[in-house]
Amino acid sequence: MDTSHVSGTSTGCEPVVEDEERRRLLWLMAEYFRTLGASDIKARLPGFVPPPVLSGTIEDHRPDFTCRQSDGNRTPVIVEVVTPSQVEDPNEDNRWSLLASAARLYNAELHFVVPKWTPMGAIDTLLKRRLARLELTANRVWTV
């Protein structure tokens, strides 16, 4: 059964991202990593195989994007797109903690992607402060 068109409450597990702003940023990152020669690309986008759901102790979540870099180790990457409405949302704590745990478990890099400009200004600094408060480490925060 194809459920890629199903929307509803965002549980972080749906196979395709419904939010247009998040989807746009996700497309950019998928194309960027594809251009760099990344392999095993999985994304919560139409036409892509979605990343597998990660099981957490409180909630399960599906990463927005995963791939393997083209380096010698084929380093895994987990990418999370963050919009202004999410940057201070306490409901994201469990999701981001689970993604960080998965990154440690799989020796993956954890990347966050934020829009370069928002009506509330740049949010990359807000995200970095929030991640520090949660004691989570990102390998990179992209502003696109």
C-alpha atoms as a PDB file:
ATOM      1  CA  MET A   1       0.000   0.000   0.000  1.00  0.00           C
ATOM      2  CA  ASP A   2       1.416   3.404  -0.987  1.00  0.00           C
ATOM      3  CA  THR A   3       1.172   5.786   1.961  1.00  0.00           C
ATOM      4  CA  SER A   4       3.476   8.483   0.578  1.00  0.00           C
ATOM      5  CA  HIS A   5       0.508  10.813  -0.015  1.00  0.00           C
ATOM      6  CA  VAL A   6      -0.917  10.479   3.482  1.00  0.00           C
ATOM      7  CA  SER A   7      -0.718  13.535   5.663  1.00  0.00           C
ATOM      8  CA  GLY A   8      -2.113  14.262   9.070  1.00  0.00           C
ATOM      9  CA  THR A   9      -0.350  14.743  12.326  1.00  0.00           C
ATOM     10  CA  SER A  10       3.376  14.989  11.935  1.00  0.00           C
ATOM     11  CA  THR A  11       4.798  12.137  13.931  1.00  0.00           C
ATOM     12  CA  GLY A  12       8.248  12.348  12.448  1.00  0.00           C
ATOM     13  CA  CYS A  13       7.686   8.870  11.002  1.00  0.00           C
ATOM     14  CA  GLU A  14       5.736   9.651   7.818  1.00  0.00           C
ATOM     15  CA  PRO A  15       7.674   8.598   4.698  1.00  0.00           C
ATOM     16  CA  VAL A  16       7.357  11.974   2.924  1.00  0.00           C
ATOM     17  CA  VAL A  17       7.783  15.404   4.521  1.00  0.00           C
ATOM     18  CA  GLU A  18       4.540  17.337   4.012  1.00  0.00           C
ATOM     19  CA  ASP A  19       5.746  20.802   5.090  1.00  0.00           C
ATOM     20  CA  GLU A  20       6.700  22.764   1.936  1.00  0.00           C
ATOM     21  CA  GLU A  21       9.544  24.740   3.531  1.00  0.00           C
ATOM     22  CA  ARG A  22      11.135  21.591   4.961  1.00  0.00           C
ATOM     23  CA  ARG A  23      10.637  19.752   1.668  1.00  0.00           C
ATOM     24  CA  ARG A  24      12.354  22.531  -0.314  1.00  0.00           C
ATOM     25  CA  LEU A  25      15.433  22.447   1.945  1.00  0.00           C
ATOM     26  CA  LEU A  26      15.469  18.666   1.829  1.00  0.00           C
ATOM     27  CA  TRP A  27      15.462  18.679  -2.004  1.00  0.00           C
ATOM     28  CA  LEU A  28      18.462  21.040  -1.987  1.00  0.00           C
ATOM     29  CA  MET A  29      20.417  18.759   0.353  1.00  0.00           C
ATOM     30  CA  ALA A  30      19.522  15.612  -1.602  1.00  0.00           C
ATOM     31  CA  GLU A  31      20.755  17.221  -4.827  1.00  0.00           C
ATOM     32  CA  TYR A  32      23.879  18.553  -3.115  1.00  0.00           C
ATOM     33  CA  PHE A  33      24.905  15.162  -1.729  1.00  0.00           C
ATOM     34  CA  ARG A  34      24.026  13.436  -5.010  1.00  0.00           C
ATOM     35  CA  THR A  35      26.271  15.908  -6.858  1.00  0.00           C
ATOM     36  CA  LEU A  36      29.122  15.073  -4.460  1.00  0.00           C
ATOM     37  CA  GLY A  37      28.803  11.397  -5.331  1.00  0.00           C
ATOM     38  CA  ALA A  38      27.103  10.238  -2.137  1.00  0.00           C
ATOM     39  CA  SER A  39      25.582   6.765  -2.233  1.00  0.00           C
ATOM     40  CA  ASP A  40      22.715   4.980  -0.501  1.00  0.00           C
ATOM     41  CA  ILE A  41      20.687   8.221  -0.551  1.00  0.00           C
ATOM     42  CA  LYS A  42      17.403   7.975   1.320  1.00  0.00           C
ATOM     43  CA  ALA A  43      15.118  10.975   1.776  1.00  0.00           C
ATOM     44  CA  ARG A  44      11.603  11.770   2.919  1.00  0.00           C
ATOM     45  CA  LEU A  45      10.806  13.086  -0.566  1.00  0.00           C
ATOM     46  CA  PRO A  46       8.628  11.862  -3.432  1.00  0.00           C
ATOM     47  CA  GLY A  47      10.620   9.517  -5.666  1.00  0.00           C
ATOM     48  CA  PHE A  48      13.120   8.548  -2.953  1.00  0.00           C
ATOM     49  CA  VAL A  49      13.253   5.549  -0.651  1.00  0.00           C
ATOM     50  CA  PRO A  50      12.608   6.955   2.843  1.00  0.00           C
ATOM     51  CA  PRO A  51      15.180   6.383   5.577  1.00  0.00           C
ATOM     52  CA  PRO A  52      14.239   3.641   8.043  1.00  0.00           C
ATOM     53  CA  VAL A  53      12.389   4.525  11.232  1.00  0.00           C
ATOM     54  CA  LEU A  54      14.635   4.682  14.308  1.00  0.00           C
ATOM     55  CA  SER A  55      13.188   3.148  17.452  1.00  0.00           C
ATOM     56  CA  GLY A  56      13.480   5.296  20.551  1.00  0.00           C
ATOM     57  CA  THR A  57      12.576   4.694  24.171  1.00  0.00           C
ATOM     58  CA  ILE A  58       9.939   7.462  24.135  1.00  0.00           C
ATOM     59  CA  GLU A  59       9.078   7.868  20.435  1.00  0.00           C
ATOM     60  CA  ASP A  60      10.137   6.480  17.082  1.00  0.00           C
ATOM     61  CA  HIS A  61      11.370   8.865  14.373  1.00  0.00           C
ATOM     62  CA  ARG A  62      12.400   8.708  10.739  1.00  0.00           C
ATOM     63  CA  PRO A  63      15.411  10.873   9.777  1.00  0.00           C
ATOM     64  CA  ASP A  64      14.758  13.430   7.038  1.00  0.00           C
ATOM     65  CA  PHE A  65      17.723  12.259   4.964  1.00  0.00           C
ATOM     66  CA  THR A  66      20.527   9.711   5.136  1.00  0.00           C
ATOM     67  CA  CYS A  67      23.367   8.813   2.798  1.00  0.00           C
ATOM     68  CA  ARG A  68      26.942   7.618   2.668  1.00  0.00           C
ATOM     69  CA  GLN A  69      29.596  10.142   1.711  1.00  0.00           C
ATOM     70  CA  SER A  70      31.979   9.443  -1.138  1.00  0.00           C
ATOM     71  CA  ASP A  71      35.008   9.402   1.191  1.00  0.00           C
ATOM     72  CA  GLY A  72      37.138   6.288   1.713  1.00  0.00           C
ATOM     73  CA  ASN A  73      35.109   5.193   4.743  1.00  0.00           C
ATOM     74  CA  ARG A  74      31.764   5.879   3.036  1.00  0.00           C
ATOM     75  CA  THR A  75      30.888   7.806   6.193  1.00  0.00           C
ATOM     76  CA  PRO A  76      27.162   7.726   6.953  1.00  0.00           C
ATOM     77  CA  VAL A  77      25.353  11.060   7.282  1.00  0.00           C
ATOM     78  CA  ILE A  78      22.057  11.814   9.008  1.00  0.00           C
ATOM     79  CA  VAL A  79      20.470  15.126   7.991  1.00  0.00           C
ATOM     80  CA  GLU A  80      17.674  16.935   9.847  1.00  0.00           C
ATOM     81  CA  VAL A  81      15.905  19.994   8.404  1.00  0.00           C
ATOM     82  CA  VAL A  82      14.865  22.601  10.997  1.00  0.00           C
ATOM     83  CA  THR A  83      12.448  25.457  10.284  1.00  0.00           C
ATOM     84  CA  PRO A  84      11.740  28.511  12.473  1.00  0.00           C
ATOM     85  CA  SER A  85       8.670  26.849  14.001  1.00  0.00           C
ATOM     86  CA  GLN A  86      10.806  23.895  15.118  1.00  0.00           C
ATOM     87  CA  VAL A  87      13.905  25.640  16.439  1.00  0.00           C
ATOM     88  CA  GLU A  88      12.395  26.353  19.881  1.00  0.00           C
ATOM     89  CA  ASP A  89       9.730  23.614  19.874  1.00  0.00           C
ATOM     90  CA  PRO A  90      10.267  21.409  22.963  1.00  0.00           C
ATOM     91  CA  ASN A  91       8.639  18.513  21.089  1.00  0.00           C
ATOM     92  CA  GLU A  92      11.812  18.266  18.956  1.00  0.00           C
ATOM     93  CA  ASP A  93      14.024  17.323  21.957  1.00  0.00           C
ATOM     94  CA  ASN A  94      13.275  13.600  21.773  1.00  0.00           C
ATOM     95  CA  ARG A  95      13.651  13.517  17.991  1.00  0.00           C
ATOM     96  CA  TRP A  96      17.009  15.287  17.969  1.00  0.00           C
ATOM     97  CA  SER A  97      18.285  13.183  20.885  1.00  0.00           C
ATOM     98  CA  LEU A  98      17.330  10.005  19.029  1.00  0.00           C
ATOM     99  CA  LEU A  99      19.053  11.198  15.835  1.00  0.00           C
ATOM    100  CA  ALA A 100      22.198  12.073  17.831  1.00  0.00           C
ATOM    101  CA  SER A 101      22.165   8.630  19.488  1.00  0.00           C
ATOM    102  CA  ALA A 102      21.792   6.946  16.098  1.00  0.00           C
ATOM    103  CA  ALA A 103      24.683   9.013  14.729  1.00  0.00           C
ATOM    104  CA  ARG A 104      26.920   7.851  17.610  1.00  0.00           C
ATOM    105  CA  LEU A 105      25.775   4.236  17.225  1.00  0.00           C
ATOM    106  CA  TYR A 106      26.476   4.128  13.474  1.00  0.00           C
ATOM    107  CA  ASN A 107      29.579   6.378  13.513  1.00  0.00           C
ATOM    108  CA  ALA A 108      27.605   8.774  11.355  1.00  0.00           C
ATOM    109  CA  GLU A 109      27.845  12.525  10.999  1.00  0.00           C
ATOM    110  CA  LEU A 110      24.804  14.472  12.180  1.00  0.00           C
ATOM    111  CA  HIS A 111      23.980  17.528  10.082  1.00  0.00           C
ATOM    112  CA  PHE A 112      21.218  20.081  10.609  1.00  0.00           C
ATOM    113  CA  VAL A 113      19.893  22.330   7.830  1.00  0.00           C
ATOM    114  CA  VAL A 114      18.212  25.673   8.467  1.00  0.00           C
ATOM    115  CA  PRO A 115      16.984  28.392   6.103  1.00  0.00           C
ATOM    116  CA  LYS A 116      19.514  31.194   5.602  1.00  0.00           C
ATOM    117  CA  TRP A 117      16.900  33.858   6.310  1.00  0.00           C
ATOM    118  CA  THR A 118      13.577  33.730   8.112  1.00  0.00           C
ATOM    119  CA  PRO A 119      11.088  36.379   9.254  1.00  0.00           C
ATOM    120  CA  MET A 120      12.629  35.964  12.733  1.00  0.00           C
ATOM    121  CA  GLY A 121      16.144  36.410  11.316  1.00  0.00           C
ATOM    122  CA  ALA A 122      18.885  33.806  11.150  1.00  0.00           C
ATOM    123  CA  ILE A 123      18.088  30.732  13.247  1.00  0.00           C
ATOM    124  CA  ASP A 124      21.379  28.837  13.027  1.00  0.00           C
ATOM    125  CA  THR A 125      22.658  30.455  16.238  1.00  0.00           C
ATOM    126  CA  LEU A 126      19.390  29.641  18.027  1.00  0.00           C
ATOM    127  CA  LEU A 127      19.675  26.025  16.898  1.00  0.00           C
ATOM    128  CA  LYS A 128      23.317  25.739  18.003  1.00  0.00           C
ATOM    129  CA  ARG A 129      22.429  27.125  21.461  1.00  0.00           C
ATOM    130  CA  ARG A 130      19.496  24.735  21.736  1.00  0.00           C
ATOM    131  CA  LEU A 131      21.627  21.739  20.760  1.00  0.00           C
ATOM    132  CA  ALA A 132      24.246  22.797  23.340  1.00  0.00           C
ATOM    133  CA  ARG A 133      21.546  23.009  26.054  1.00  0.00           C
ATOM    134  CA  LEU A 134      20.457  19.482  25.093  1.00  0.00           C
ATOM    135  CA  GLU A 135      24.122  18.397  25.130  1.00  0.00           C
ATOM    136  CA  LEU A 136      23.849  17.275  21.509  1.00  0.00           C
ATOM    137  CA  THR A 137      26.666  17.669  19.021  1.00  0.00           C
ATOM    138  CA  ALA A 138      26.127  18.366  15.344  1.00  0.00           C
ATOM    139  CA  ASN A 139      28.956  17.827  12.881  1.00  0.00           C
ATOM    140  CA  ARG A 140      27.609  20.683  10.797  1.00  0.00           C
ATOM    141  CA  VAL A 141      24.767  23.202  10.701  1.00  0.00           C
ATOM    142  CA  TRP A 142      24.038  24.204   7.108  1.00  0.00           C
ATOM    143  CA  THR A 143      22.358  27.501   6.264  1.00  0.00           C
ATOM    144  CA  VAL A 144      20.733  27.301   2.831  1.00  0.00           C
END
